[in-house]
N, C-alpha and C. Protein backbone atom coordinates (compact mmCIF):
# COMPACT_ATOMS: atom_id res chain seq x y z
N MET A 1 -7.78 9.76 -4.99
CA MET A 1 -7.26 8.54 -4.67
C MET A 1 -7.94 8.20 -3.29
N ASP A 2 -8.11 6.95 -3.48
CA ASP A 2 -8.98 6.20 -1.84
C ASP A 2 -7.59 6.00 -0.93
N LYS A 3 -7.92 5.55 -0.22
CA LYS A 3 -7.07 5.03 1.04
C LYS A 3 -6.10 4.38 0.97
N ILE A 4 -6.80 3.23 0.66
CA ILE A 4 -6.08 1.68 0.34
C ILE A 4 -4.94 2.09 -1.06
N CYS A 5 -5.38 2.76 -2.00
CA CYS A 5 -4.57 2.75 -3.00
C CYS A 5 -3.22 3.55 -2.50
N CYS A 6 -3.68 4.69 -1.82
CA CYS A 6 -2.30 5.63 -1.11
C CYS A 6 -1.81 4.94 -0.35
N LEU A 7 -2.00 4.05 0.74
CA LEU A 7 -1.56 3.29 1.50
C LEU A 7 -0.50 1.97 0.79
N ALA A 8 -0.98 1.76 -0.11
CA ALA A 8 -0.17 0.69 -0.84
C ALA A 8 1.20 1.44 -1.58
N TYR A 9 0.77 2.58 -2.23
CA TYR A 9 1.68 3.01 -2.76
C TYR A 9 2.76 3.27 -1.90
N LEU A 10 2.66 3.98 -0.58
CA LEU A 10 3.22 4.62 0.34
C LEU A 10 4.49 3.35 0.95
N LEU A 11 3.46 2.35 1.25
CA LEU A 11 4.21 1.15 1.68
C LEU A 11 5.19 0.46 0.75
N TYR A 12 4.64 0.57 -0.63
CA TYR A 12 5.49 0.02 -1.46
C TYR A 12 6.86 0.57 -1.85
N GLN A 13 6.69 1.83 -1.39
CA GLN A 13 8.23 2.33 -1.25
C GLN A 13 9.29 2.09 -0.30
N SER A 14 8.92 0.98 0.40
CA SER A 14 10.21 0.68 1.54
C SER A 14 10.63 0.06 0.58
N ASP A 15 11.98 -0.40 1.44
CA ASP A 15 13.23 -1.02 0.90
C ASP A 15 12.94 -2.68 1.39
N ASN A 16 12.00 -2.81 2.05
CA ASN A 16 11.89 -4.32 2.41
C ASN A 16 11.03 -5.12 1.39
N GLU A 17 11.41 -6.02 0.97
CA GLU A 17 10.57 -6.78 -0.40
C GLU A 17 9.18 -7.42 0.12
N GLU A 18 9.55 -7.93 1.21
CA GLU A 18 7.90 -8.29 1.87
C GLU A 18 6.96 -7.40 2.19
N VAL A 19 7.49 -6.14 2.53
CA VAL A 19 6.61 -5.22 2.57
C VAL A 19 5.81 -4.67 1.29
N LYS A 20 6.89 -4.23 -0.02
CA LYS A 20 6.51 -4.27 -1.15
C LYS A 20 5.36 -5.26 -1.75
N ASN A 21 5.37 -6.46 -1.13
CA ASN A 21 4.90 -7.63 -1.77
C ASN A 21 3.21 -7.60 -1.02
N ILE A 22 3.19 -7.14 0.02
CA ILE A 22 1.90 -7.02 1.14
C ILE A 22 1.17 -5.38 -0.17
N ALA A 23 2.44 -4.83 -0.20
CA ALA A 23 1.53 -3.53 -0.87
C ALA A 23 0.61 -3.44 -2.10
N ILE A 24 1.29 -4.99 -2.51
CA ILE A 24 0.78 -5.10 -3.69
C ILE A 24 -0.58 -5.86 -3.14
N GLU A 25 -0.48 -6.62 -2.42
CA GLU A 25 -1.38 -7.73 -2.20
C GLU A 25 -2.70 -6.50 -1.65
N LEU A 26 -2.25 -6.11 -0.81
CA LEU A 26 -3.39 -5.03 -0.48
C LEU A 26 -3.98 -3.81 -1.85
N LEU A 27 -3.13 -3.78 -2.50
CA LEU A 27 -3.75 -2.67 -3.85
C LEU A 27 -4.77 -3.70 -4.59
N ASN A 28 -4.74 -5.68 -4.62
CA ASN A 28 -5.71 -5.91 -5.35
C ASN A 28 -6.33 -6.46 -4.19
N GLY A 29 -6.42 -6.46 -3.18
CA GLY A 29 -7.81 -7.07 -2.02
C GLY A 29 -7.43 -8.41 -1.79
N GLU A 30 -6.28 -8.66 -1.81
CA GLU A 30 -5.67 -10.19 -1.28
C GLU A 30 -5.66 -9.96 0.03
N ILE A 31 -5.34 -8.76 0.57
CA ILE A 31 -5.07 -9.01 2.03
C ILE A 31 -5.92 -7.48 2.70
N SER A 32 -6.26 -7.44 3.72
CA SER A 32 -7.26 -6.37 4.40
C SER A 32 -6.09 -5.55 5.21
N LEU A 33 -6.35 -4.13 5.32
CA LEU A 33 -5.49 -3.13 6.22
C LEU A 33 -5.76 -3.97 7.34
N LYS A 34 -6.96 -4.37 8.11
CA LYS A 34 -7.00 -4.94 9.36
C LYS A 34 -6.15 -6.08 9.32
N ASP A 35 -6.19 -6.90 8.48
CA ASP A 35 -5.01 -7.69 8.48
C ASP A 35 -3.44 -7.57 8.85
N ILE A 36 -3.23 -6.34 7.86
CA ILE A 36 -1.73 -5.87 8.03
C ILE A 36 -1.27 -5.37 9.49
N LYS A 37 -2.75 -4.68 9.94
CA LYS A 37 -2.39 -3.94 10.90
C LYS A 37 -2.12 -4.85 12.42
N LYS A 38 -2.71 -6.12 12.52
CA LYS A 38 -2.52 -7.31 12.99
C LYS A 38 -1.21 -7.83 12.96
N ARG A 39 -0.44 -7.79 12.22
CA ARG A 39 0.63 -8.11 12.31
C ARG A 39 1.89 -6.90 12.64
N LYS A 40 2.69 -7.45 13.56
CA LYS A 40 3.52 -6.85 14.61
C LYS A 40 4.35 -6.23 13.69
N GLU A 41 5.04 -6.98 12.94
CA GLU A 41 6.23 -6.59 12.03
C GLU A 41 5.95 -5.54 10.91
N LEU A 42 4.20 -5.27 10.76
CA LEU A 42 3.92 -4.59 9.71
C LEU A 42 3.88 -3.14 10.60
N LYS A 43 3.69 -3.24 11.38
CA LYS A 43 2.60 -2.35 12.53
C LYS A 43 3.64 -0.81 11.99
N LYS A 44 4.77 -0.61 12.16
CA LYS A 44 5.69 0.18 12.30
C LYS A 44 5.69 0.95 10.86
N TYR A 45 5.22 0.46 9.63
CA TYR A 45 5.36 0.80 8.60
C TYR A 45 3.95 0.96 8.36
N ILE A 46 2.80 0.64 8.71
CA ILE A 46 1.52 1.27 8.71
C ILE A 46 1.38 2.74 9.43
N THR A 47 2.26 2.71 10.47
CA THR A 47 2.19 3.79 11.12
C THR A 47 2.57 4.87 10.45
N ALA A 48 3.80 4.53 9.79
CA ALA A 48 4.57 5.68 9.26
C ALA A 48 3.83 6.22 7.93
N THR A 49 3.48 5.15 6.92
CA THR A 49 2.38 5.52 5.90
C THR A 49 1.26 6.35 6.34
N GLU A 50 0.35 6.00 7.31
CA GLU A 50 -0.56 6.82 7.47
C GLU A 50 -0.12 7.86 8.36
N ALA A 51 0.82 8.42 8.51
CA ALA A 51 1.37 10.00 8.89
C ALA A 51 1.30 10.26 7.69
N LYS A 52 1.81 9.70 6.69
CA LYS A 52 2.07 10.51 5.09
C LYS A 52 1.44 10.21 4.03
N ILE A 53 -0.02 10.34 4.33
CA ILE A 53 -0.82 9.79 3.72
C ILE A 53 -1.51 11.31 3.41
N ASN A 54 -1.21 12.64 3.34
CA ASN A 54 -2.44 13.37 3.03
C ASN A 54 -1.06 14.61 2.15
N LYS A 55 -0.03 13.61 2.11
CA LYS A 55 1.22 14.25 1.38
C LYS A 55 1.59 13.85 0.21
N VAL A 56 0.76 12.63 -0.06
CA VAL A 56 1.03 11.56 -1.08
C VAL A 56 0.84 12.55 -2.68
N ASP A 57 1.51 12.44 -3.45
CA ASP A 57 1.72 12.67 -5.06
C ASP A 57 0.41 11.81 -5.61
N THR A 58 -0.75 12.56 -5.84
CA THR A 58 -1.53 11.53 -6.54
C THR A 58 -1.34 11.04 -7.68
N HIS A 59 -0.65 11.69 -8.67
CA HIS A 59 -0.24 11.36 -9.83
C HIS A 59 0.90 10.32 -9.79
N GLU A 60 1.74 10.14 -9.00
CA GLU A 60 2.30 8.66 -8.63
C GLU A 60 1.61 7.52 -8.21
N VAL A 61 0.56 8.15 -7.28
CA VAL A 61 -0.21 6.85 -7.03
C VAL A 61 -0.58 6.19 -8.27
N VAL A 62 -1.53 7.28 -9.07
CA VAL A 62 -2.14 6.61 -10.11
C VAL A 62 -1.29 5.77 -11.19
N LEU A 63 -0.05 6.16 -11.41
CA LEU A 63 0.74 5.36 -11.72
C LEU A 63 1.06 4.04 -11.20
N PHE A 64 1.52 4.27 -9.99
CA PHE A 64 1.61 2.76 -9.08
C PHE A 64 0.17 2.09 -9.25
N VAL A 65 -0.64 2.42 -9.08
CA VAL A 65 -2.12 1.43 -9.65
C VAL A 65 -2.27 1.06 -10.75
N GLU A 66 -1.83 1.66 -11.83
CA GLU A 66 -2.05 1.06 -13.63
C GLU A 66 -0.84 0.31 -13.17
N LYS A 67 0.24 0.43 -12.68
CA LYS A 67 1.16 -1.03 -13.01
C LYS A 67 0.99 -2.31 -12.22
N PHE A 68 0.46 -1.87 -10.88
CA PHE A 68 0.28 -2.78 -10.26
C PHE A 68 -1.46 -3.95 -10.08
N MET A 69 -2.52 -2.82 -10.24
CA MET A 69 -3.17 -3.40 -10.29
C MET A 69 -3.90 -4.54 -11.27
N LEU A 70 -4.37 -5.69 -10.71
CA LEU A 70 -4.68 -6.65 -11.64
C LEU A 70 -6.37 -6.57 -11.89
N MET A 71 -6.74 -6.56 -13.26
CA MET A 71 -7.66 -6.39 -13.85
C MET A 71 -8.44 -7.41 -14.43
N GLU A 72 -9.68 -8.10 -13.72
CA GLU A 72 -10.11 -9.22 -14.67
C GLU A 72 -10.74 -9.04 -15.58
N ALA A 73 -10.56 -9.69 -16.72
CA ALA A 73 -11.08 -9.49 -18.39
C ALA A 73 -12.90 -9.93 -18.23
């Protein structure tokens, strides 16, 4: 799995609905990681998720991507 998918998955685990929506936007390329890092209110979430990225269950990430990634026909 790539870094963006893993970060989006980890962000989606948050209890904060805004962070969950940002995670889906990140997954679908509607917002960049650089833009997220510029937002002070999201900085703590990004820092926490980047620390966990090597411990992520890739099978769970795949399921998350299958559920939330938008595909154009």
